[in-house]
Structures are given as C-alpha cells and as structure tokens.
Amino acid sequence: MTSLTATEPYFDLLILGGTVIDGTKAPRFDADVGIRGDKIVAIGALRGQPARRTVDASGLIVAPGFIDAHTHDDQALLSQPDMSCKVSQGVTTVVTGNCGISAAPLREDMDLPMPLSLLDSPATDRFTTFKAYVEALRRTPAALNVAAMVGHSTLRAVVMPELGRPATADEIERMRAMVEEALEAGAIGLSTGMFYPPAMAATTEEVIEIGRPLTQRKSLYVTHMRDEADHVMDSLEETFHIGRALDIPVVVSHHKLQNSQNFGRSAVTLPFIAEAMKHQCISLDCYPYTAGSTMIRTDKGMLDGRVLIASSEPHPECAGRDLADIAAEWGVAKDEAARRLQPGSAIYFQMDENDVQRIMAFDETMIGSDGIPLGDKPHPRLWGTFPRVLGHYSRDVGLFPLETAVWKMTGLTARNFGLSGRGTLAVGQQADVVLFDPATVRDAANYTTPTLPAEGIASVIVNGSITWADGLHTGARAGQVVHRIPTP
C-alpha cells in the first residue's frame, strides 16, 4: 500500500473508508483508494488528503470492476452505449465476439443466418472490416471497456455461399486473411460456435488452418463447443487438439452438461479439464443459472425441457411465454410452434443445479453472463449474473468465500484473457472499480421480470469516471478498447 508524495497535489477521486478485495484472492483489508485520471495512484490511509471528489465507502466492499468473460454485446456497445444492463451489476469490461459470431467483418448486401442476426444492426451500420468496427468503438465510446474477438461463423457467412459443407482451400485462405486483419486491428482472438448451423459442417482442420495467424501473437481460441451434451468429451478433445495444433491458449465457453441423461457428468469433465491444464493453457467460464439462451431451435434435444420464448420477429407478442403453452394454443407440436416463431431467441431449461455449482466452484472457472441484449424478455443473466454469484452463491449458499467470487470475475479473467492493467486493485492499474454492500448485494432480475437492476451495487467507476451511483446511470461513457497482452 502506498500514498501520494508531496509532489502530487490532489486526487481526482478518493474512495474513503471501504474494505478492499483486490481481485487476487488475498484476504480483504481496510483502505482508501485514490484515483487520478484513469489510474489508481494510491491505496492506504488517505483520509484528509485533497481530492476533487470523495466517495464514502463505509460498510462497502471496494473491488476491481467485474469483467464479463462471455458476452454478445458487440452491437449493443454502439446501439445501447450506456450499457446499463452490465454497468448496473458492476461490470466494467466485456469480452465480445463469442460463439463464433462477431459484429465484423460483414458485407452490406448479405442476409445473416441465425444466430448471427441476433447481433445485427441495419446494413448501413455494418462494418466490412474489423478495423472499421474497432474505430467505431473508439470514436463513440460506450460506458464500459470492450475486448473483442472475431467470429468463425461470421467469416464463413461472409466468404462461403453454402454453409452446410466444409470450406474449400480458397475459402480457408480468404478467412485466414480476415483473421489476420482482425488481429492486426486489435482482436484478442478467434471464437467458434460449431454447435450452430452456420459452422456445424466445419472440420477441425478447417478451424486450425483458419486460425494459423493466432500462433505468432499467442492470441486466444475461444469456443462454444460442438457438443455440450452426449458427446461433450469428444468436444473437449477437439477443443484441446486445436489449441495444441496452434500452440495457443484455449477457452471453453460456458461449460455445462445439457439434458437429463448427462446430469452429474461434470464430475467427469472437470477432472479431465484439470488434467489437460497441466499440459497446455486452458481456461473456462460459466454462468450461474440452470437455463441457457440462444436462437429458437427445432431439434428435439433442445425442446425436451421447458422452453421460454425471449423474442420472436414474426410473433413478438409471444415473448415471455412458454413454448408448450404457445404450441397448445396453436394446436401444433412444439417443434412446429418453434418453426413458426423463428427467427428469435429462447431460454432453455436444460441443466442440473449440482453441475452448475460444481463447475462454478472449480478453482479455475471464470464468470460470464452470455446474455443476449435483445427484446424486453431476455434471460435474467443479462442483468443479474454477477450479483447472483456474489449474493446467492457466495453469501447465501456458501459455495466459496467472497474473495474467491471477486477473483473469478476480475483477476482470473484478466489473467486468462491477457487484459493487462485490469482485474486487480493496485497502484498503476486502470481505475475500474465497483463498490457493493456484501450484506445486500443480489440479483433482482428473474424469468418473469428479467430487466430489473441488481441490488446492493453502490457505485461503479470506469477508467476513473463514476458511471453508476445511487441506482442510476450518470451518463458517463469512458469505456476503452482493450487489447490482449499475452503473459510470457
């Protein structure tokens, strides 16, 4: 801990009387935090030193701003720049371009297949290069920081006239050049979503060859795996093979076990992942819910459990209703009702609570919301993920100490994604800070009212600017584009 010297006359912001949890899993300690510009410049006993503005943190935890490891906020950062759904729960940085879908590069004349269209904006707002997208983020900053990836499915949709087959050598070469352009422009890696129709036909070798530019920069390979149900072990093998072939770190997105016949299999997958971690760089994230959300699908495995419609272009009046009720009202089977509701998004109740807790408690698991910022009835994880971990799982269930909870959404995530200067509270770090009440913090969003802001989040500071305070957005938009700096 340190304080200012006599040559440093003031703080721009002084956070007084709080208890610091610094994002390293170290025990909490009482300290003040001094900020100048967009940096933390002092941590210690600072009361009485001059500051332009002070914040009383008595009774509050002062922690690094949360990093959402898995989002689909690519276009929302530009169309909804206040990003209240994330800032209100303490998030100061989002990782975008997940599941193989990214906002760039796109062609202005193309019709986007699902799930790409979940991110879409009008064709006049599309970005034909990744550089153009990054420049737009810098030109019109959002309220929080962004670390962006380029999506494999997006590249396929741009390059390939038919998506139901493997790419040709020429198509692979063109996609590889697009990956190179994206990395040069600041993308932190390549994501895939081979679970989804636009990429189902892609071979392992296609992904490896497209991803060749990742190797030199030690960029990330991040994947919504081909299968998270019956063939989950095969998908883990494929994921790790791609990482080894390219000699790069891999991230398993939203690790889970789908469908009742696979409940409990996290007791098998997690030891397998832990063993593989001894031999290559592997990370994983999860979200704290037993339901997922994605495009409306008609395949039987997706419709076996409860399905809640989140959005539907042809039938917007069905948002928030159960698919089974809609099907009964229409007098058709669930798969036919789902077809009539497409395109749109839905919430699928497919996971077991014991698996969710076991995966979340796994020491190396990061936290990601995987929310889709679309419509009035999104999955509540869009607004509630991080306070749910802090309040429900850490405080109420006792799954892990608060220091561990904070680390899973700050220091661990910054380390795994190479987001230097963020994720911990220390002198010299970026001033991304959240103040919350450990006794009251909780998610208010639920499946009926999914857009309620969290409770117990007192203040959120992004790059030194107070962005959320007293339950309201301040209007600040101090977000930055964050680059990856690989660890040696």
Foldseek 3Di string as FASTA:
>chain_A
DFDDDPVDQEAQEKEPFAWELWLPLDDIGTWIWGHHFFFTADIHHCPPGHYNYYHYQHLWYKYFQFEFLEAACQQCCPVVQLLCLRVLQRHAEYEHQAQQEHQDDAALPADDDPPNCLNDDHSVPGHNALLVSQVSCVVDFGQHAYAYAHGNLRLLRRQPPDQQAEDDPVSLVVLLVRNVRNVVSFHQAYEHNCLDSSNVRYDLVSVLSSRLVCQVQLGEYEYQFNDLEPCNVVRVVSQLVSCVSSVHEYEYEARFYFAPVCAPCLVVVVVVVVVSVVPGHYAYAHFQDQKDKGWQAQDPSQVVAWKAFCAFPVCRVRHLHILVVVCVVVVHDSSVSSVVRPGGMMIGRTHDNVSSLVQVLRQRYAYHQHWRPDHQQTALSSRFGLLACLAVVCPPVVSDHNSSSLNSRFVSSCQSSQQPLTRTDDGPRGPWMWIFNSVQWGRPAHRNRRSDHTPGTAWTAHSRRTQDHPHDGPPDRPYHHTHHDHDD
